Amino acid sequence: MYADRIVKFGERFQGRLDSTLLQGALDYVGYSEESLAFEILCDHICEYDVSISDEEYAEAIQLALDMGFSLEEGPFKHLKGLKS
């Protein structure tokens, strides 16, 4: 249901996030694990201090909300500090 949105979001980080990490996270989409793929992708963005634009941040937050994630937990609460 969210697969296309997650892949498009992830592709925006090509060149800013190690390609192996990016592809590893996005591979979960192919196994119908969209929630896990998005959470891992956001974990990597936070762990490796990848700066995100305001637009990317808004997209990530909206996707997290649409998927039913809590913005007070996990990597989502840390994304705001990475905005460029």
C-alpha atoms as a PDB file:
ATOM      1  CA  MET A   1       0.000   0.000   0.000  1.00  0.00           C
ATOM      2  CA  TYR A   2       2.858   2.370   0.829  1.00  0.00           C
ATOM      3  CA  ALA A   3       5.540   0.638  -1.225  1.00  0.00           C
ATOM      4  CA  ASP A   4       5.775   3.229  -4.006  1.00  0.00           C
ATOM      5  CA  ARG A   5       5.893   6.142  -1.566  1.00  0.00           C
ATOM      6  CA  ILE A   6       8.655   4.493   0.468  1.00  0.00           C
ATOM      7  CA  VAL A   7      10.757   3.678  -2.589  1.00  0.00           C
ATOM      8  CA  LYS A   8      10.376   7.201  -3.999  1.00  0.00           C
ATOM      9  CA  PHE A   9      11.261   8.675  -0.610  1.00  0.00           C
ATOM     10  CA  GLY A  10      14.289   6.414  -0.285  1.00  0.00           C
ATOM     11  CA  GLU A  11      15.533   7.215  -3.774  1.00  0.00           C
ATOM     12  CA  ARG A  12      15.832  10.856  -2.741  1.00  0.00           C
ATOM     13  CA  PHE A  13      18.762   9.838  -0.520  1.00  0.00           C
ATOM     14  CA  GLN A  14      20.887   8.303  -3.255  1.00  0.00           C
ATOM     15  CA  GLY A  15      24.328   9.830  -2.969  1.00  0.00           C
ATOM     16  CA  ARG A  16      23.745  10.944   0.626  1.00  0.00           C
ATOM     17  CA  LEU A  17      23.236   7.555   2.244  1.00  0.00           C
ATOM     18  CA  ASP A  18      25.489   4.579   1.558  1.00  0.00           C
ATOM     19  CA  SER A  19      23.953   2.694  -1.372  1.00  0.00           C
ATOM     20  CA  THR A  20      24.217  -0.673   0.392  1.00  0.00           C
ATOM     21  CA  LEU A  21      22.325   0.636   3.413  1.00  0.00           C
ATOM     22  CA  LEU A  22      19.723   2.324   1.226  1.00  0.00           C
ATOM     23  CA  GLN A  23      19.135  -0.735  -0.941  1.00  0.00           C
ATOM     24  CA  GLY A  24      19.094  -3.005   2.111  1.00  0.00           C
ATOM     25  CA  ALA A  25      16.289  -0.985   3.643  1.00  0.00           C
ATOM     26  CA  LEU A  26      14.326  -0.742   0.405  1.00  0.00           C
ATOM     27  CA  ASP A  27      14.664  -4.486  -0.238  1.00  0.00           C
ATOM     28  CA  TYR A  28      12.131  -5.063   2.547  1.00  0.00           C
ATOM     29  CA  VAL A  29       9.465  -3.438   0.362  1.00  0.00           C
ATOM     30  CA  GLY A  30       9.824  -6.375  -2.024  1.00  0.00           C
ATOM     31  CA  TYR A  31       8.964  -8.737   0.821  1.00  0.00           C
ATOM     32  CA  SER A  32       5.774  -6.810   1.711  1.00  0.00           C
ATOM     33  CA  GLU A  33       7.473  -5.361   4.786  1.00  0.00           C
ATOM     34  CA  GLU A  34       6.768  -1.702   4.040  1.00  0.00           C
ATOM     35  CA  SER A  35       6.672  -0.636   7.689  1.00  0.00           C
ATOM     36  CA  LEU A  36      10.008  -2.279   8.405  1.00  0.00           C
ATOM     37  CA  ALA A  37      11.549  -0.807   5.255  1.00  0.00           C
ATOM     38  CA  PHE A  38      10.508   2.715   6.189  1.00  0.00           C
ATOM     39  CA  GLU A  39      11.592   2.365   9.806  1.00  0.00           C
ATOM     40  CA  ILE A  40      15.011   1.011   8.820  1.00  0.00           C
ATOM     41  CA  LEU A  41      15.416   3.762   6.234  1.00  0.00           C
ATOM     42  CA  CYS A  42      14.652   6.417   8.841  1.00  0.00           C
ATOM     43  CA  ASP A  43      16.977   4.670  11.310  1.00  0.00           C
ATOM     44  CA  HIS A  44      19.804   4.895   8.773  1.00  0.00           C
ATOM     45  CA  ILE A  45      19.076   8.549   8.039  1.00  0.00           C
ATOM     46  CA  CYS A  46      19.298   9.313  11.759  1.00  0.00           C
ATOM     47  CA  GLU A  47      22.224   7.021  12.562  1.00  0.00           C
ATOM     48  CA  TYR A  48      24.407   8.413   9.808  1.00  0.00           C
ATOM     49  CA  ASP A  49      23.355  12.051  10.337  1.00  0.00           C
ATOM     50  CA  VAL A  50      22.066  12.445   6.797  1.00  0.00           C
ATOM     51  CA  SER A  51      20.669  15.958   6.448  1.00  0.00           C
ATOM     52  CA  ILE A  52      17.141  16.175   5.128  1.00  0.00           C
ATOM     53  CA  SER A  53      15.354  19.134   3.606  1.00  0.00           C
ATOM     54  CA  ASP A  54      12.162  20.611   5.005  1.00  0.00           C
ATOM     55  CA  GLU A  55      10.278  18.972   2.139  1.00  0.00           C
ATOM     56  CA  GLU A  56      11.824  15.555   2.862  1.00  0.00           C
ATOM     57  CA  TYR A  57      11.089  15.962   6.542  1.00  0.00           C
ATOM     58  CA  ALA A  58       7.430  16.800   5.843  1.00  0.00           C
ATOM     59  CA  GLU A  59       7.189  13.815   3.514  1.00  0.00           C
ATOM     60  CA  ALA A  60       8.698  11.476   6.108  1.00  0.00           C
ATOM     61  CA  ILE A  61       6.398  12.738   8.859  1.00  0.00           C
ATOM     62  CA  GLN A  62       3.303  12.444   6.669  1.00  0.00           C
ATOM     63  CA  LEU A  63       4.269   8.934   5.597  1.00  0.00           C
ATOM     64  CA  ALA A  64       4.924   7.911   9.200  1.00  0.00           C
ATOM     65  CA  LEU A  65       1.528   9.282  10.259  1.00  0.00           C
ATOM     66  CA  ASP A  66      -0.235   7.613   7.339  1.00  0.00           C
ATOM     67  CA  MET A  67       1.380   4.305   8.290  1.00  0.00           C
ATOM     68  CA  GLY A  68       0.272   4.671  11.906  1.00  0.00           C
ATOM     69  CA  PHE A  69       3.695   5.225  13.453  1.00  0.00           C
ATOM     70  CA  SER A  70       4.081   7.264  16.620  1.00  0.00           C
ATOM     71  CA  LEU A  71       6.187  10.362  16.109  1.00  0.00           C
ATOM     72  CA  GLU A  72       7.287  10.129  19.732  1.00  0.00           C
ATOM     73  CA  GLU A  73       9.101   6.826  19.237  1.00  0.00           C
ATOM     74  CA  GLY A  74      11.821   5.307  17.167  1.00  0.00           C
ATOM     75  CA  PRO A  75      13.710   7.148  14.488  1.00  0.00           C
ATOM     76  CA  PHE A  76      10.845   9.501  13.716  1.00  0.00           C
ATOM     77  CA  LYS A  77      11.380  11.625  16.807  1.00  0.00           C
ATOM     78  CA  HIS A  78      15.001  12.183  15.764  1.00  0.00           C
ATOM     79  CA  LEU A  79      14.375  13.232  12.160  1.00  0.00           C
ATOM     80  CA  LYS A  80      13.635  16.850  13.008  1.00  0.00           C
ATOM     81  CA  GLY A  81      17.170  17.434  14.275  1.00  0.00           C
ATOM     82  CA  LEU A  82      18.560  16.415  10.891  1.00  0.00           C
ATOM     83  CA  LYS A  83      16.810  19.039   8.786  1.00  0.00           C
ATOM     84  CA  SER A  84      19.245  21.124   6.774  1.00  0.00           C
END
